[in-house]
C-alpha atoms as a PDB file:
ATOM      1  CA  UNK A   1    -111.813  81.060  15.359  1.00  0.00           C
ATOM      2  CA  UNK A   2    -110.926  80.554  18.923  1.00  0.00           C
ATOM      3  CA  UNK A   3    -108.914  79.223  21.469  1.00  0.00           C
ATOM      4  CA  UNK A   4    -109.719  77.742  24.924  1.00  0.00           C
ATOM      5  CA  UNK A   5    -111.338  81.045  27.179  1.00  0.00           C
ATOM      6  CA  UNK A   6    -110.453  81.189  30.640  1.00  0.00           C
ATOM      7  CA  UNK A   7    -113.205  81.889  32.636  1.00  0.00           C
ATOM      8  CA  UNK A   8    -114.148  80.387  35.717  1.00  0.00           C
ATOM      9  CA  UNK A   9    -114.789  76.666  35.701  1.00  0.00           C
ATOM     10  CA  UNK A  10    -118.456  75.880  36.124  1.00  0.00           C
ATOM     11  CA  UNK A  11    -119.150  72.567  37.336  1.00  0.00           C
ATOM     12  CA  UNK A  12    -122.893  72.075  36.423  1.00  0.00           C
ATOM     13  CA  UNK A  13    -125.323  69.861  34.533  1.00  0.00           C
ATOM     14  CA  UNK A  14    -123.718  70.998  31.306  1.00  0.00           C
ATOM     15  CA  UNK A  15    -121.077  68.155  32.088  1.00  0.00           C
ATOM     16  CA  UNK A  16    -123.895  65.235  32.824  1.00  0.00           C
ATOM     17  CA  UNK A  17    -127.056  66.100  30.787  1.00  0.00           C
ATOM     18  CA  UNK A  18    -126.688  65.740  26.796  1.00  0.00           C
ATOM     19  CA  UNK A  19    -128.991  68.329  26.316  1.00  0.00           C
ATOM     20  CA  UNK A  20    -129.457  71.709  25.604  1.00  0.00           C
ATOM     21  CA  UNK A  21    -131.142  72.534  28.920  1.00  0.00           C
ATOM     22  CA  UNK A  22    -127.974  73.091  30.408  1.00  0.00           C
ATOM     23  CA  UNK A  23    -127.144  76.140  28.636  1.00  0.00           C
ATOM     24  CA  UNK A  24    -130.201  77.779  30.289  1.00  0.00           C
ATOM     25  CA  UNK A  25    -127.948  77.909  33.612  1.00  0.00           C
ATOM     26  CA  UNK A  26    -124.246  77.988  32.002  1.00  0.00           C
ATOM     27  CA  UNK A  27    -121.594  80.540  31.070  1.00  0.00           C
ATOM     28  CA  UNK A  28    -121.104  80.720  27.558  1.00  0.00           C
ATOM     29  CA  UNK A  29    -118.637  82.138  25.744  1.00  0.00           C
ATOM     30  CA  UNK A  30    -118.701  85.666  25.450  1.00  0.00           C
ATOM     31  CA  UNK A  31    -118.024  85.782  21.563  1.00  0.00           C
ATOM     32  CA  UNK A  32    -120.609  83.328  20.979  1.00  0.00           C
ATOM     33  CA  UNK A  33    -122.753  85.230  22.758  1.00  0.00           C
ATOM     34  CA  UNK A  34    -121.828  88.257  21.464  1.00  0.00           C
ATOM     35  CA  UNK A  35    -122.591  86.525  17.397  1.00  0.00           C
ATOM     36  CA  UNK A  36    -125.487  84.634  18.202  1.00  0.00           C
ATOM     37  CA  UNK A  37    -128.805  84.057  20.034  1.00  0.00           C
ATOM     38  CA  UNK A  38    -129.886  80.480  20.890  1.00  0.00           C
ATOM     39  CA  UNK A  39    -132.896  79.271  19.430  1.00  0.00           C
ATOM     40  CA  UNK A  40    -134.487  75.648  19.398  1.00  0.00           C
ATOM     41  CA  UNK A  41    -132.971  71.908  20.690  1.00  0.00           C
ATOM     42  CA  UNK A  42    -132.266  70.001  17.087  1.00  0.00           C
ATOM     43  CA  UNK A  43    -130.961  67.182  18.179  1.00  0.00           C
ATOM     44  CA  UNK A  44    -129.504  65.159  21.006  1.00  0.00           C
ATOM     45  CA  UNK A  45    -126.838  62.776  21.464  1.00  0.00           C
ATOM     46  CA  UNK A  46    -123.948  61.215  23.378  1.00  0.00           C
ATOM     47  CA  UNK A  47    -121.170  63.187  22.776  1.00  0.00           C
ATOM     48  CA  UNK A  48    -122.793  66.285  22.504  1.00  0.00           C
ATOM     49  CA  UNK A  49    -126.648  68.428  21.256  1.00  0.00           C
ATOM     50  CA  UNK A  50    -127.450  70.636  18.847  1.00  0.00           C
ATOM     51  CA  UNK A  51    -129.364  73.864  18.886  1.00  0.00           C
ATOM     52  CA  UNK A  52    -130.266  76.471  16.303  1.00  0.00           C
ATOM     53  CA  UNK A  53    -128.906  79.989  16.729  1.00  0.00           C
ATOM     54  CA  UNK A  54    -129.346  83.277  15.234  1.00  0.00           C
ATOM     55  CA  UNK A  55    -126.310  85.355  13.763  1.00  0.00           C
ATOM     56  CA  UNK A  56    -126.827  89.430  15.913  1.00  0.00           C
ATOM     57  CA  UNK A  57    -125.529  90.802  12.359  1.00  0.00           C
ATOM     58  CA  UNK A  58    -127.671  89.690   9.731  1.00  0.00           C
ATOM     59  CA  UNK A  59    -130.214  87.302  11.563  1.00  0.00           C
ATOM     60  CA  UNK A  60    -129.483  83.955   9.199  1.00  0.00           C
ATOM     61  CA  UNK A  61    -130.116  81.135  11.343  1.00  0.00           C
ATOM     62  CA  UNK A  62    -127.489  78.645  12.076  1.00  0.00           C
ATOM     63  CA  UNK A  63    -126.797  74.929  13.626  1.00  0.00           C
ATOM     64  CA  UNK A  64    -124.617  74.835  16.804  1.00  0.00           C
ATOM     65  CA  UNK A  65    -123.339  71.504  17.665  1.00  0.00           C
ATOM     66  CA  UNK A  66    -121.862  71.264  21.409  1.00  0.00           C
ATOM     67  CA  UNK A  67    -119.354  68.829  21.800  1.00  0.00           C
ATOM     68  CA  UNK A  68    -118.541  67.894  25.028  1.00  0.00           C
ATOM     69  CA  UNK A  69    -114.653  67.999  25.597  1.00  0.00           C
ATOM     70  CA  UNK A  70    -113.755  65.366  27.609  1.00  0.00           C
ATOM     71  CA  UNK A  71    -116.104  62.789  25.770  1.00  0.00           C
ATOM     72  CA  UNK A  72    -113.840  63.666  22.343  1.00  0.00           C
ATOM     73  CA  UNK A  73    -110.932  60.832  22.850  1.00  0.00           C
ATOM     74  CA  UNK A  74    -107.223  61.815  22.775  1.00  0.00           C
ATOM     75  CA  UNK A  75    -106.669  60.354  18.806  1.00  0.00           C
ATOM     76  CA  UNK A  76    -109.459  62.752  17.702  1.00  0.00           C
ATOM     77  CA  UNK A  77    -107.764  65.882  18.620  1.00  0.00           C
ATOM     78  CA  UNK A  78    -105.953  67.585  15.529  1.00  0.00           C
ATOM     79  CA  UNK A  79    -103.800  70.723  15.424  1.00  0.00           C
ATOM     80  CA  UNK A  80    -105.398  73.423  12.993  1.00  0.00           C
ATOM     81  CA  UNK A  81    -103.076  76.063  11.765  1.00  0.00           C
ATOM     82  CA  UNK A  82    -105.138  78.677  12.760  1.00  0.00           C
ATOM     83  CA  UNK A  83    -107.460  77.251  15.625  1.00  0.00           C
ATOM     84  CA  UNK A  84    -105.228  75.071  17.498  1.00  0.00           C
ATOM     85  CA  UNK A  85    -105.876  71.771  19.162  1.00  0.00           C
ATOM     86  CA  UNK A  86    -109.151  70.984  17.783  1.00  0.00           C
ATOM     87  CA  UNK A  87    -111.692  67.648  17.462  1.00  0.00           C
ATOM     88  CA  UNK A  88    -111.596  65.978  14.191  1.00  0.00           C
ATOM     89  CA  UNK A  89    -115.212  66.648  13.078  1.00  0.00           C
ATOM     90  CA  UNK A  90    -114.387  70.539  13.406  1.00  0.00           C
ATOM     91  CA  UNK A  91    -110.948  70.119  11.121  1.00  0.00           C
ATOM     92  CA  UNK A  92    -112.640  68.004   8.673  1.00  0.00           C
ATOM     93  CA  UNK A  93    -115.922  70.090   8.263  1.00  0.00           C
ATOM     94  CA  UNK A  94    -113.371  73.393   8.406  1.00  0.00           C
ATOM     95  CA  UNK A  95    -111.392  71.998   5.161  1.00  0.00           C
ATOM     96  CA  UNK A  96    -114.036  70.610   2.983  1.00  0.00           C
ATOM     97  CA  UNK A  97    -116.101  72.310   0.483  1.00  0.00           C
ATOM     98  CA  UNK A  98    -118.754  70.424  -1.356  1.00  0.00           C
ATOM     99  CA  UNK A  99    -122.323  71.584  -2.281  1.00  0.00           C
ATOM    100  CA  UNK A 100    -123.646  68.263  -0.433  1.00  0.00           C
ATOM    101  CA  UNK A 101    -122.389  68.481   3.001  1.00  0.00           C
ATOM    102  CA  UNK A 102    -123.018  70.969   5.720  1.00  0.00           C
ATOM    103  CA  UNK A 103    -121.052  74.275   5.602  1.00  0.00           C
ATOM    104  CA  UNK A 104    -118.801  75.130   8.371  1.00  0.00           C
ATOM    105  CA  UNK A 105    -119.005  78.460   9.918  1.00  0.00           C
ATOM    106  CA  UNK A 106    -117.607  79.073  12.477  1.00  0.00           C
ATOM    107  CA  UNK A 107    -115.613  77.845  16.569  1.00  0.00           C
ATOM    108  CA  UNK A 108    -115.471  78.481  19.784  1.00  0.00           C
ATOM    109  CA  UNK A 109    -114.477  76.618  22.902  1.00  0.00           C
ATOM    110  CA  UNK A 110    -114.618  77.138  26.361  1.00  0.00           C
ATOM    111  CA  UNK A 111    -113.524  74.263  29.423  1.00  0.00           C
ATOM    112  CA  UNK A 112    -116.829  72.017  28.662  1.00  0.00           C
ATOM    113  CA  UNK A 113    -117.694  72.274  25.011  1.00  0.00           C
ATOM    114  CA  UNK A 114    -116.380  72.765  21.454  1.00  0.00           C
ATOM    115  CA  UNK A 115    -118.903  74.790  19.513  1.00  0.00           C
ATOM    116  CA  UNK A 116    -119.281  73.632  15.847  1.00  0.00           C
ATOM    117  CA  UNK A 117    -121.580  76.869  14.129  1.00  0.00           C
ATOM    118  CA  UNK A 118    -122.760  75.552  10.876  1.00  0.00           C
ATOM    119  CA  UNK A 119    -125.120  75.936   8.100  1.00  0.00           C
ATOM    120  CA  UNK A 120    -128.710  75.297   9.043  1.00  0.00           C
ATOM    121  CA  UNK A 121    -130.466  73.311   5.911  1.00  0.00           C
ATOM    122  CA  UNK A 122    -133.913  71.314   4.839  1.00  0.00           C
ATOM    123  CA  UNK A 123    -137.109  71.312   5.500  1.00  0.00           C
ATOM    124  CA  UNK A 124    -139.243  70.297   8.977  1.00  0.00           C
ATOM    125  CA  UNK A 125    -141.448  67.180   7.704  1.00  0.00           C
ATOM    126  CA  UNK A 126    -143.709  66.248  10.705  1.00  0.00           C
ATOM    127  CA  UNK A 127    -145.741  68.399  12.752  1.00  0.00           C
ATOM    128  CA  UNK A 128    -144.433  67.426  16.068  1.00  0.00           C
ATOM    129  CA  UNK A 129    -140.948  66.086  17.674  1.00  0.00           C
ATOM    130  CA  UNK A 130    -142.495  62.607  19.000  1.00  0.00           C
ATOM    131  CA  UNK A 131    -144.016  61.796  15.431  1.00  0.00           C
ATOM    132  CA  UNK A 132    -142.516  58.798  14.782  1.00  0.00           C
ATOM    133  CA  UNK A 133    -143.831  55.176  13.680  1.00  0.00           C
ATOM    134  CA  UNK A 134    -140.991  53.124  14.261  1.00  0.00           C
ATOM    135  CA  UNK A 135    -137.901  53.962  16.125  1.00  0.00           C
ATOM    136  CA  UNK A 136    -134.149  55.106  15.359  1.00  0.00           C
ATOM    137  CA  UNK A 137    -131.295  53.083  14.324  1.00  0.00           C
ATOM    138  CA  UNK A 138    -129.043  52.427  17.341  1.00  0.00           C
ATOM    139  CA  UNK A 139    -125.642  52.950  17.136  1.00  0.00           C
ATOM    140  CA  UNK A 140    -123.173  50.421  18.472  1.00  0.00           C
ATOM    141  CA  UNK A 141    -120.708  53.799  19.949  1.00  0.00           C
ATOM    142  CA  UNK A 142    -123.729  54.908  21.616  1.00  0.00           C
ATOM    143  CA  UNK A 143    -122.973  56.500  25.648  1.00  0.00           C
ATOM    144  CA  UNK A 144    -125.609  56.530  28.098  1.00  0.00           C
ATOM    145  CA  UNK A 145    -126.840  59.740  28.907  1.00  0.00           C
ATOM    146  CA  UNK A 146    -125.049  60.173  32.015  1.00  0.00           C
ATOM    147  CA  UNK A 147    -121.117  60.686  32.361  1.00  0.00           C
ATOM    148  CA  UNK A 148    -121.042  60.361  35.936  1.00  0.00           C
ATOM    149  CA  UNK A 149    -121.850  57.862  38.819  1.00  0.00           C
ATOM    150  CA  UNK A 150    -125.780  57.457  39.570  1.00  0.00           C
ATOM    151  CA  UNK A 151    -124.816  58.990  43.391  1.00  0.00           C
ATOM    152  CA  UNK A 152    -123.542  62.285  41.607  1.00  0.00           C
ATOM    153  CA  UNK A 153    -125.990  62.643  39.498  1.00  0.00           C
ATOM    154  CA  UNK A 154    -128.958  62.605  42.182  1.00  0.00           C
ATOM    155  CA  UNK A 155    -126.507  65.356  44.272  1.00  0.00           C
ATOM    156  CA  UNK A 156    -126.645  67.515  40.813  1.00  0.00           C
ATOM    157  CA  UNK A 157    -130.039  66.818  40.468  1.00  0.00           C
ATOM    158  CA  UNK A 158    -130.890  68.093  44.242  1.00  0.00           C
ATOM    159  CA  UNK A 159    -129.077  70.778  44.369  1.00  0.00           C
ATOM    160  CA  UNK A 160    -129.442  72.066  40.665  1.00  0.00           C
ATOM    161  CA  UNK A 161    -132.772  72.146  39.524  1.00  0.00           C
ATOM    162  CA  UNK A 162    -134.077  71.585  36.150  1.00  0.00           C
ATOM    163  CA  UNK A 163    -134.177  74.500  34.200  1.00  0.00           C
ATOM    164  CA  UNK A 164    -136.924  74.953  31.381  1.00  0.00           C
ATOM    165  CA  UNK A 165    -136.258  73.155  28.693  1.00  0.00           C
ATOM    166  CA  UNK A 166    -135.370  74.648  25.148  1.00  0.00           C
ATOM    167  CA  UNK A 167    -138.023  74.276  22.244  1.00  0.00           C
ATOM    168  CA  UNK A 168    -137.400  71.014  20.571  1.00  0.00           C
ATOM    169  CA  UNK A 169    -137.995  71.633  16.283  1.00  0.00           C
ATOM    170  CA  UNK A 170    -139.067  68.848  14.454  1.00  0.00           C
ATOM    171  CA  UNK A 171    -136.713  67.468  12.135  1.00  0.00           C
ATOM    172  CA  UNK A 172    -135.456  68.011   8.984  1.00  0.00           C
ATOM    173  CA  UNK A 173    -133.619  64.761   7.965  1.00  0.00           C
ATOM    174  CA  UNK A 174    -134.065  62.445   5.835  1.00  0.00           C
ATOM    175  CA  UNK A 175    -135.273  59.643   7.963  1.00  0.00           C
ATOM    176  CA  UNK A 176    -138.565  61.734   8.139  1.00  0.00           C
ATOM    177  CA  UNK A 177    -138.300  63.036   5.229  1.00  0.00           C
ATOM    178  CA  UNK A 178    -138.856  58.867   4.469  1.00  0.00           C
ATOM    179  CA  UNK A 179    -141.931  58.741   6.815  1.00  0.00           C
ATOM    180  CA  UNK A 180    -143.480  61.263   5.720  1.00  0.00           C
ATOM    181  CA  UNK A 181    -143.656  60.009   2.044  1.00  0.00           C
ATOM    182  CA  UNK A 182    -143.308  56.175   2.726  1.00  0.00           C
ATOM    183  CA  UNK A 183    -141.252  55.659   0.221  1.00  0.00           C
ATOM    184  CA  UNK A 184    -140.274  57.465  -3.295  1.00  0.00           C
ATOM    185  CA  UNK A 185    -140.910  56.570  -6.631  1.00  0.00           C
ATOM    186  CA  UNK A 186    -136.681  55.432  -8.428  1.00  0.00           C
ATOM    187  CA  UNK A 187    -136.286  58.913 -10.544  1.00  0.00           C
ATOM    188  CA  UNK A 188    -136.872  61.031  -7.361  1.00  0.00           C
ATOM    189  CA  UNK A 189    -134.754  58.393  -5.042  1.00  0.00           C
ATOM    190  CA  UNK A 190    -131.591  58.863  -7.841  1.00  0.00           C
ATOM    191  CA  UNK A 191    -131.610  62.277  -7.513  1.00  0.00           C
ATOM    192  CA  UNK A 192    -131.272  62.077  -3.687  1.00  0.00           C
ATOM    193  CA  UNK A 193    -129.184  59.328  -4.100  1.00  0.00           C
ATOM    194  CA  UNK A 194    -126.839  60.509  -6.492  1.00  0.00           C
ATOM    195  CA  UNK A 195    -126.004  63.878  -4.050  1.00  0.00           C
ATOM    196  CA  UNK A 196    -125.212  61.476  -1.308  1.00  0.00           C
ATOM    197  CA  UNK A 197    -122.805  59.574  -3.204  1.00  0.00           C
ATOM    198  CA  UNK A 198    -121.281  62.118  -5.072  1.00  0.00           C
ATOM    199  CA  UNK A 199    -120.621  63.707  -1.849  1.00  0.00           C
ATOM    200  CA  UNK A 200    -118.504  60.577  -0.796  1.00  0.00           C
ATOM    201  CA  UNK A 201    -117.123  60.506  -3.750  1.00  0.00           C
ATOM    202  CA  UNK A 202    -115.635  63.863  -2.773  1.00  0.00           C
ATOM    203  CA  UNK A 203    -114.573  62.457   0.712  1.00  0.00           C
ATOM    204  CA  UNK A 204    -112.599  59.811  -0.919  1.00  0.00           C
ATOM    205  CA  UNK A 205    -110.807  61.961  -3.199  1.00  0.00           C
ATOM    206  CA  UNK A 206    -109.475  63.627  -0.090  1.00  0.00           C
ATOM    207  CA  UNK A 207    -108.877  60.299   1.957  1.00  0.00           C
ATOM    208  CA  UNK A 208    -112.174  60.736   4.111  1.00  0.00           C
ATOM    209  CA  UNK A 209    -114.388  58.757   5.218  1.00  0.00           C
ATOM    210  CA  UNK A 210    -117.728  59.358   7.249  1.00  0.00           C
ATOM    211  CA  UNK A 211    -118.192  56.085   9.035  1.00  0.00           C
ATOM    212  CA  UNK A 212    -121.575  57.265  10.044  1.00  0.00           C
ATOM    213  CA  UNK A 213    -124.046  57.216   6.551  1.00  0.00           C
ATOM    214  CA  UNK A 214    -127.401  57.072   7.231  1.00  0.00           C
ATOM    215  CA  UNK A 215    -131.049  58.414   6.967  1.00  0.00           C
ATOM    216  CA  UNK A 216    -130.653  60.394  10.361  1.00  0.00           C
ATOM    217  CA  UNK A 217    -127.429  62.395   8.696  1.00  0.00           C
ATOM    218  CA  UNK A 218    -128.811  63.867   6.117  1.00  0.00           C
ATOM    219  CA  UNK A 219    -130.832  66.611   6.007  1.00  0.00           C
ATOM    220  CA  UNK A 220    -132.578  67.244   3.172  1.00  0.00           C
ATOM    221  CA  UNK A 221    -135.408  70.164   2.054  1.00  0.00           C
ATOM    222  CA  UNK A 222    -138.784  70.494   0.143  1.00  0.00           C
ATOM    223  CA  UNK A 223    -136.419  70.798  -3.205  1.00  0.00           C
ATOM    224  CA  UNK A 224    -134.784  67.243  -2.121  1.00  0.00           C
ATOM    225  CA  UNK A 225    -131.757  69.256  -1.885  1.00  0.00           C
ATOM    226  CA  UNK A 226    -129.570  67.219   0.533  1.00  0.00           C
ATOM    227  CA  UNK A 227    -126.516  67.829   2.640  1.00  0.00           C
ATOM    228  CA  UNK A 228    -124.571  65.056   4.873  1.00  0.00           C
ATOM    229  CA  UNK A 229    -124.030  66.039   8.355  1.00  0.00           C
ATOM    230  CA  UNK A 230    -122.625  64.588  11.819  1.00  0.00           C
ATOM    231  CA  UNK A 231    -118.893  63.897  10.674  1.00  0.00           C
ATOM    232  CA  UNK A 232    -118.556  63.182  14.613  1.00  0.00           C
ATOM    233  CA  UNK A 233    -117.111  59.414  13.501  1.00  0.00           C
ATOM    234  CA  UNK A 234    -114.995  60.807  10.354  1.00  0.00           C
ATOM    235  CA  UNK A 235    -112.105  59.396   9.871  1.00  0.00           C
ATOM    236  CA  UNK A 236    -108.601  60.870   8.033  1.00  0.00           C
ATOM    237  CA  UNK A 237    -107.238  58.100   6.425  1.00  0.00           C
ATOM    238  CA  UNK A 238    -103.164  57.455   5.866  1.00  0.00           C
ATOM    239  CA  UNK A 239    -103.888  58.330   1.928  1.00  0.00           C
ATOM    240  CA  UNK A 240    -104.640  61.652   2.888  1.00  0.00           C
ATOM    241  CA  UNK A 241    -101.096  62.142   3.770  1.00  0.00           C
ATOM    242  CA  UNK A 242     -99.935  60.570   1.205  1.00  0.00           C
ATOM    243  CA  UNK A 243     -99.499  57.312   2.576  1.00  0.00           C
ATOM    244  CA  UNK A 244    -101.066  54.196   0.081  1.00  0.00           C
ATOM    245  CA  UNK A 245    -100.414  51.382   2.194  1.00  0.00           C
ATOM    246  CA  UNK A 246    -103.465  49.026   3.346  1.00  0.00           C
ATOM    247  CA  UNK A 247    -105.230  50.342   6.322  1.00  0.00           C
ATOM    248  CA  UNK A 248    -107.988  48.275   8.392  1.00  0.00           C
ATOM    249  CA  UNK A 249    -110.074  50.038  10.985  1.00  0.00           C
ATOM    250  CA  UNK A 250    -110.422  48.104  14.384  1.00  0.00           C
ATOM    251  CA  UNK A 251    -112.525  50.682  15.651  1.00  0.00           C
ATOM    252  CA  UNK A 252    -116.564  51.430  14.850  1.00  0.00           C
ATOM    253  CA  UNK A 253    -118.424  54.601  15.957  1.00  0.00           C
ATOM    254  CA  UNK A 254    -121.747  53.773  13.409  1.00  0.00           C
ATOM    255  CA  UNK A 255    -125.220  52.627  13.600  1.00  0.00           C
ATOM    256  CA  UNK A 256    -126.192  48.933  14.010  1.00  0.00           C
ATOM    257  CA  UNK A 257    -128.325  48.905  11.042  1.00  0.00           C
ATOM    258  CA  UNK A 258    -125.834  50.443   8.423  1.00  0.00           C
ATOM    259  CA  UNK A 259    -123.166  48.661   9.911  1.00  0.00           C
ATOM    260  CA  UNK A 260    -121.398  46.423   6.780  1.00  0.00           C
ATOM    261  CA  UNK A 261    -120.976  42.319   7.996  1.00  0.00           C
ATOM    262  CA  UNK A 262    -117.641  42.980   8.786  1.00  0.00           C
ATOM    263  CA  UNK A 263    -117.986  45.369  11.426  1.00  0.00           C
ATOM    264  CA  UNK A 264    -120.805  43.461  13.010  1.00  0.00           C
ATOM    265  CA  UNK A 265    -118.509  40.014  13.144  1.00  0.00           C
ATOM    266  CA  UNK A 266    -115.946  42.374  14.920  1.00  0.00           C
ATOM    267  CA  UNK A 267    -113.376  42.164  11.979  1.00  0.00           C
ATOM    268  CA  UNK A 268    -110.644  44.880  11.235  1.00  0.00           C
ATOM    269  CA  UNK A 269    -112.474  46.554   8.254  1.00  0.00           C
ATOM    270  CA  UNK A 270    -111.704  48.794   5.257  1.00  0.00           C
ATOM    271  CA  UNK A 271    -113.616  51.976   5.969  1.00  0.00           C
ATOM    272  CA  UNK A 272    -113.994  52.329   2.063  1.00  0.00           C
ATOM    273  CA  UNK A 273    -115.844  49.430   1.724  1.00  0.00           C
ATOM    274  CA  UNK A 274    -117.744  49.903   4.945  1.00  0.00           C
ATOM    275  CA  UNK A 275    -118.658  53.263   3.758  1.00  0.00           C
ATOM    276  CA  UNK A 276    -120.165  51.652   0.047  1.00  0.00           C
ATOM    277  CA  UNK A 277    -122.340  49.684   2.037  1.00  0.00           C
ATOM    278  CA  UNK A 278    -123.981  51.993   4.230  1.00  0.00           C
ATOM    279  CA  UNK A 279    -124.689  53.857   1.198  1.00  0.00           C
ATOM    280  CA  UNK A 280    -126.245  50.019   0.187  1.00  0.00           C
ATOM    281  CA  UNK A 281    -128.309  50.362   2.878  1.00  0.00           C
ATOM    282  CA  UNK A 282    -129.036  53.708   2.552  1.00  0.00           C
ATOM    283  CA  UNK A 283    -130.312  53.615  -1.342  1.00  0.00           C
ATOM    284  CA  UNK A 284    -132.915  50.599  -0.398  1.00  0.00           C
ATOM    285  CA  UNK A 285    -133.849  52.319   2.511  1.00  0.00           C
ATOM    286  CA  UNK A 286    -134.924  55.128   0.069  1.00  0.00           C
ATOM    287  CA  UNK A 287    -136.513  53.553  -2.234  1.00  0.00           C
ATOM    288  CA  UNK A 288    -138.478  50.671  -0.386  1.00  0.00           C
ATOM    289  CA  UNK A 289    -139.250  53.218   2.844  1.00  0.00           C
ATOM    290  CA  UNK A 290    -137.423  50.249   5.178  1.00  0.00           C
ATOM    291  CA  UNK A 291    -134.166  48.837   6.353  1.00  0.00           C
ATOM    292  CA  UNK A 292    -132.950  45.587   3.948  1.00  0.00           C
ATOM    293  CA  UNK A 293    -131.705  43.524   6.968  1.00  0.00           C
ATOM    294  CA  UNK A 294    -134.555  42.376   9.490  1.00  0.00           C
ATOM    295  CA  UNK A 295    -131.283  41.315  12.388  1.00  0.00           C
ATOM    296  CA  UNK A 296    -127.888  41.350  12.170  1.00  0.00           C
ATOM    297  CA  UNK A 297    -127.904  37.447  11.189  1.00  0.00           C
ATOM    298  CA  UNK A 298    -129.528  38.829   7.919  1.00  0.00           C
ATOM    299  CA  UNK A 299    -126.987  41.206   7.329  1.00  0.00           C
ATOM    300  CA  UNK A 300    -124.133  39.215   7.806  1.00  0.00           C
ATOM    301  CA  UNK A 301    -125.340  36.739   5.403  1.00  0.00           C
ATOM    302  CA  UNK A 302    -125.599  39.884   2.946  1.00  0.00           C
ATOM    303  CA  UNK A 303    -129.663  38.337   2.654  1.00  0.00           C
ATOM    304  CA  UNK A 304    -131.694  41.530   2.095  1.00  0.00           C
ATOM    305  CA  UNK A 305    -135.663  41.560   2.027  1.00  0.00           C
ATOM    306  CA  UNK A 306    -137.710  41.325  -0.756  1.00  0.00           C
ATOM    307  CA  UNK A 307    -138.555  44.788  -1.975  1.00  0.00           C
ATOM    308  CA  UNK A 308    -142.290  45.279  -1.735  1.00  0.00           C
ATOM    309  CA  UNK A 309    -141.906  47.815  -4.371  1.00  0.00           C
ATOM    310  CA  UNK A 310    -141.342  47.137  -7.873  1.00  0.00           C
ATOM    311  CA  UNK A 311    -138.160  49.268  -9.329  1.00  0.00           C
ATOM    312  CA  UNK A 312    -136.075  48.742 -12.531  1.00  0.00           C
ATOM    313  CA  UNK A 313    -133.485  45.752 -13.103  1.00  0.00           C
ATOM    314  CA  UNK A 314    -130.752  48.247 -13.330  1.00  0.00           C
ATOM    315  CA  UNK A 315    -131.311  49.656  -9.807  1.00  0.00           C
ATOM    316  CA  UNK A 316    -131.607  45.914  -7.816  1.00  0.00           C
ATOM    317  CA  UNK A 317    -128.320  45.147  -9.814  1.00  0.00           C
ATOM    318  CA  UNK A 318    -126.407  48.125  -7.988  1.00  0.00           C
ATOM    319  CA  UNK A 319    -127.900  47.861  -4.683  1.00  0.00           C
ATOM    320  CA  UNK A 320    -126.990  43.833  -5.246  1.00  0.00           C
ATOM    321  CA  UNK A 321    -123.472  44.977  -5.825  1.00  0.00           C
ATOM    322  CA  UNK A 322    -123.356  47.226  -2.627  1.00  0.00           C
ATOM    323  CA  UNK A 323    -124.272  45.014  -0.418  1.00  0.00           C
ATOM    324  CA  UNK A 324    -121.925  42.214  -1.422  1.00  0.00           C
ATOM    325  CA  UNK A 325    -121.468  40.149   1.957  1.00  0.00           C
ATOM    326  CA  UNK A 326    -117.412  39.984   0.994  1.00  0.00           C
ATOM    327  CA  UNK A 327    -115.937  43.661   0.879  1.00  0.00           C
ATOM    328  CA  UNK A 328    -113.930  42.606  -1.764  1.00  0.00           C
ATOM    329  CA  UNK A 329    -116.779  42.112  -3.960  1.00  0.00           C
ATOM    330  CA  UNK A 330    -118.072  45.756  -3.559  1.00  0.00           C
ATOM    331  CA  UNK A 331    -117.982  48.357  -5.847  1.00  0.00           C
ATOM    332  CA  UNK A 332    -115.922  51.470  -4.853  1.00  0.00           C
ATOM    333  CA  UNK A 333    -117.624  54.497  -4.403  1.00  0.00           C
ATOM    334  CA  UNK A 334    -116.643  55.866  -8.077  1.00  0.00           C
ATOM    335  CA  UNK A 335    -118.009  53.039  -9.574  1.00  0.00           C
ATOM    336  CA  UNK A 336    -121.182  52.956  -8.003  1.00  0.00           C
ATOM    337  CA  UNK A 337    -120.985  56.982  -9.774  1.00  0.00           C
ATOM    338  CA  UNK A 338    -120.515  55.050 -12.876  1.00  0.00           C
ATOM    339  CA  UNK A 339    -123.300  52.553 -12.344  1.00  0.00           C
ATOM    340  CA  UNK A 340    -126.128  52.557 -15.666  1.00  0.00           C
ATOM    341  CA  UNK A 341    -128.977  52.989 -13.076  1.00  0.00           C
ATOM    342  CA  UNK A 342    -127.818  56.541 -13.280  1.00  0.00           C
ATOM    343  CA  UNK A 343    -128.020  57.471 -16.953  1.00  0.00           C
ATOM    344  CA  UNK A 344    -131.280  55.783 -17.242  1.00  0.00           C
ATOM    345  CA  UNK A 345    -134.905  57.623 -16.761  1.00  0.00           C
END
């Protein structure tokens, strides 16, 4: 909705700390402040953080992702007809609609942040934000918590006291949902996975790859309705613009435990085939409550751990097909949805 706001420039912790705490002393965009009241922190990472916000007029709660402008690569800026130059993540969400993809609401920009306002979806699955039994998956592209030198950081700490922390809300993602349930029975796992696969198929038709499919990037409510989030690593393929020549990616910004063998070996890769591999890892995790590969050597070899829970032969057939070591031997996302497993039960 808005172009960059020409306000006085404030050099403060907002540029240094990927945490919502910096909002306590940061001059937010006045139009955003006129429309929203900041709530709790929902998550944080190397490229920004997410907080809840309530619409002043309606009382509807939203999720707002604050993206550090200087962390967005030059090739990830695109021109939108109404918003001007915006990050690819905002451009994609603004131009897609699917019941299992988080909905775009609004966006703003200032000199430090791009604000992405989205619908808020999901049920809180744990009583405490620190109640995790095993660590979350490390990202290959994970950046450090500070974007400046330790010397400069120490100066900031000395002259800008730490503001009060915004309260952290417990997660609504599939990772926590699996932790809560340990694993899902096959019919429910199928219902959850089919929703995810259908939105990936929708994106594929548009020539878009998410490139970071994992349980932490899926929010889920108590009716087991899911929505795909975090399009920070997403890419628009040449065929989106009518170019159907084969295209291989050379960079990866996803998560190690969901990365395909060709990515782990540092080879150029086809985004669509790597996406199907990630979905295979996800399906295994939903069904058995753990990731299929204990280390990268197992993943590169394409040998997943023997499941501890019994499932149907057709289910195992689909998992094995999606986790083929060779990308040429994996199904397309549309072949996944046509697999006999989805017509059983």
